[in-house]
Amino acid sequence: MKPGLKRRFSRHKLRNEAANNIRLDFPEIDNGITLHTAISGAGRPLLFVHGFPELWYEWRVQLREFSSQYLCVAPDLRGFN
């Protein structure tokens, strides 16, 4: 992989998801652990959990669809990303 390729791809993905009203956040949980999450919408929470070897990005279509009724949260599970 060429140096800097991952960084450019990540920025491209961020721009696209910002256009879809998906906010990427890094909340701190117990013991100083930071967890990457994708959040969209407002209201009652709806949690999307991915399996191996996927990431939050697998839920992007569902996040857009359900964000009109729910606060959708899709975390990147530790060890997968």
C-alpha atoms as a PDB file:
ATOM      1  CA  MET A   1       0.000   0.000   0.000  1.00  0.00           C
ATOM      2  CA  LYS A   2       1.306   3.445  -0.893  1.00  0.00           C
ATOM      3  CA  PRO A   3       2.110   5.785   2.009  1.00  0.00           C
ATOM      4  CA  GLY A   4      -0.775   8.124   2.747  1.00  0.00           C
ATOM      5  CA  LEU A   5      -3.372   6.061   0.853  1.00  0.00           C
ATOM      6  CA  LYS A   6      -5.272   5.087   3.987  1.00  0.00           C
ATOM      7  CA  ARG A   7      -5.399   8.692   5.172  1.00  0.00           C
ATOM      8  CA  ARG A   8      -6.822   9.942   1.861  1.00  0.00           C
ATOM      9  CA  PHE A   9      -9.426   7.174   1.792  1.00  0.00           C
ATOM     10  CA  SER A  10     -10.503   7.982   5.360  1.00  0.00           C
ATOM     11  CA  ARG A  11     -10.974  11.672   4.562  1.00  0.00           C
ATOM     12  CA  HIS A  12     -12.982  10.772   1.455  1.00  0.00           C
ATOM     13  CA  LYS A  13     -15.225   8.502   3.535  1.00  0.00           C
ATOM     14  CA  LEU A  14     -15.679  11.246   6.151  1.00  0.00           C
ATOM     15  CA  ARG A  15     -16.800  13.769   3.530  1.00  0.00           C
ATOM     16  CA  ASN A  16     -19.324  11.349   2.050  1.00  0.00           C
ATOM     17  CA  GLU A  17     -20.821  10.405   5.416  1.00  0.00           C
ATOM     18  CA  ALA A  18     -21.041  14.045   6.511  1.00  0.00           C
ATOM     19  CA  ALA A  19     -23.215  14.634   3.459  1.00  0.00           C
ATOM     20  CA  ASN A  20     -25.488  11.819   4.691  1.00  0.00           C
ATOM     21  CA  ASN A  21     -25.821  13.365   8.193  1.00  0.00           C
ATOM     22  CA  ILE A  22     -23.759  10.642   9.834  1.00  0.00           C
ATOM     23  CA  ARG A  23     -21.523  12.075  12.555  1.00  0.00           C
ATOM     24  CA  LEU A  24     -18.340  10.221  13.488  1.00  0.00           C
ATOM     25  CA  ASP A  25     -17.476  10.525  17.175  1.00  0.00           C
ATOM     26  CA  PHE A  26     -14.866   9.194  19.616  1.00  0.00           C
ATOM     27  CA  PRO A  27     -16.513   8.934  23.065  1.00  0.00           C
ATOM     28  CA  GLU A  28     -14.328   7.932  25.995  1.00  0.00           C
ATOM     29  CA  ILE A  29     -15.599   4.971  28.001  1.00  0.00           C
ATOM     30  CA  ASP A  30     -14.229   3.191  31.089  1.00  0.00           C
ATOM     31  CA  ASN A  31     -10.486   3.231  31.829  1.00  0.00           C
ATOM     32  CA  GLY A  32      -9.741   5.885  29.213  1.00  0.00           C
ATOM     33  CA  ILE A  33     -10.706   3.684  26.264  1.00  0.00           C
ATOM     34  CA  THR A  34     -11.831   5.645  23.203  1.00  0.00           C
ATOM     35  CA  LEU A  35     -14.444   3.995  20.996  1.00  0.00           C
ATOM     36  CA  HIS A  36     -15.088   5.105  17.410  1.00  0.00           C
ATOM     37  CA  THR A  37     -18.825   5.468  16.690  1.00  0.00           C
ATOM     38  CA  ALA A  38     -21.064   6.623  13.857  1.00  0.00           C
ATOM     39  CA  ILE A  39     -24.171   8.495  15.054  1.00  0.00           C
ATOM     40  CA  SER A  40     -27.199   9.719  13.150  1.00  0.00           C
ATOM     41  CA  GLY A  41     -30.677  11.019  13.976  1.00  0.00           C
ATOM     42  CA  ALA A  42     -32.429  11.813  17.256  1.00  0.00           C
ATOM     43  CA  GLY A  43     -34.899  10.125  19.570  1.00  0.00           C
ATOM     44  CA  ARG A  44     -34.815   6.719  21.191  1.00  0.00           C
ATOM     45  CA  PRO A  45     -31.463   4.939  20.699  1.00  0.00           C
ATOM     46  CA  LEU A  46     -31.080   2.118  18.196  1.00  0.00           C
ATOM     47  CA  LEU A  47     -27.759   0.232  18.369  1.00  0.00           C
ATOM     48  CA  PHE A  48     -26.188  -1.386  15.296  1.00  0.00           C
ATOM     49  CA  VAL A  49     -23.451  -3.926  16.107  1.00  0.00           C
ATOM     50  CA  HIS A  50     -21.290  -5.369  13.334  1.00  0.00           C
ATOM     51  CA  GLY A  51     -19.714  -8.797  13.126  1.00  0.00           C
ATOM     52  CA  PHE A  52     -16.319  -9.984  11.997  1.00  0.00           C
ATOM     53  CA  PRO A  53     -14.668  -8.641   9.787  1.00  0.00           C
ATOM     54  CA  GLU A  54     -17.012  -5.682   9.255  1.00  0.00           C
ATOM     55  CA  LEU A  55     -16.974  -2.085  10.539  1.00  0.00           C
ATOM     56  CA  TRP A  56     -19.620   0.560  11.284  1.00  0.00           C
ATOM     57  CA  TYR A  57     -19.590   1.390   7.562  1.00  0.00           C
ATOM     58  CA  GLU A  58     -21.601  -1.776   6.853  1.00  0.00           C
ATOM     59  CA  TRP A  59     -24.593  -0.075   8.554  1.00  0.00           C
ATOM     60  CA  ARG A  60     -24.438   3.249   6.627  1.00  0.00           C
ATOM     61  CA  VAL A  61     -27.615   2.597   4.618  1.00  0.00           C
ATOM     62  CA  GLN A  62     -29.585   1.544   7.708  1.00  0.00           C
ATOM     63  CA  LEU A  63     -28.276   4.548   9.660  1.00  0.00           C
ATOM     64  CA  ARG A  64     -29.688   6.864   6.998  1.00  0.00           C
ATOM     65  CA  GLU A  65     -33.008   5.010   6.851  1.00  0.00           C
ATOM     66  CA  PHE A  66     -33.728   4.773  10.582  1.00  0.00           C
ATOM     67  CA  SER A  67     -32.310   8.187  11.571  1.00  0.00           C
ATOM     68  CA  SER A  68     -35.675   9.845  10.884  1.00  0.00           C
ATOM     69  CA  GLN A  69     -37.177   7.984  13.871  1.00  0.00           C
ATOM     70  CA  TYR A  70     -34.255   6.941  16.100  1.00  0.00           C
ATOM     71  CA  LEU A  71     -30.867   7.986  17.410  1.00  0.00           C
ATOM     72  CA  CYS A  72     -28.806   5.422  15.503  1.00  0.00           C
ATOM     73  CA  VAL A  73     -25.439   4.422  16.955  1.00  0.00           C
ATOM     74  CA  ALA A  74     -22.983   2.094  15.193  1.00  0.00           C
ATOM     75  CA  PRO A  75     -19.740   1.565  17.137  1.00  0.00           C
ATOM     76  CA  ASP A  76     -16.559   0.068  15.740  1.00  0.00           C
ATOM     77  CA  LEU A  77     -15.956  -2.845  18.073  1.00  0.00           C
ATOM     78  CA  ARG A  78     -12.515  -3.080  19.610  1.00  0.00           C
ATOM     79  CA  GLY A  79     -10.113  -5.288  17.734  1.00  0.00           C
ATOM     80  CA  PHE A  80     -11.915  -4.989  14.408  1.00  0.00           C
ATOM     81  CA  ASN A  81     -10.637  -1.592  13.233  1.00  0.00           C
END
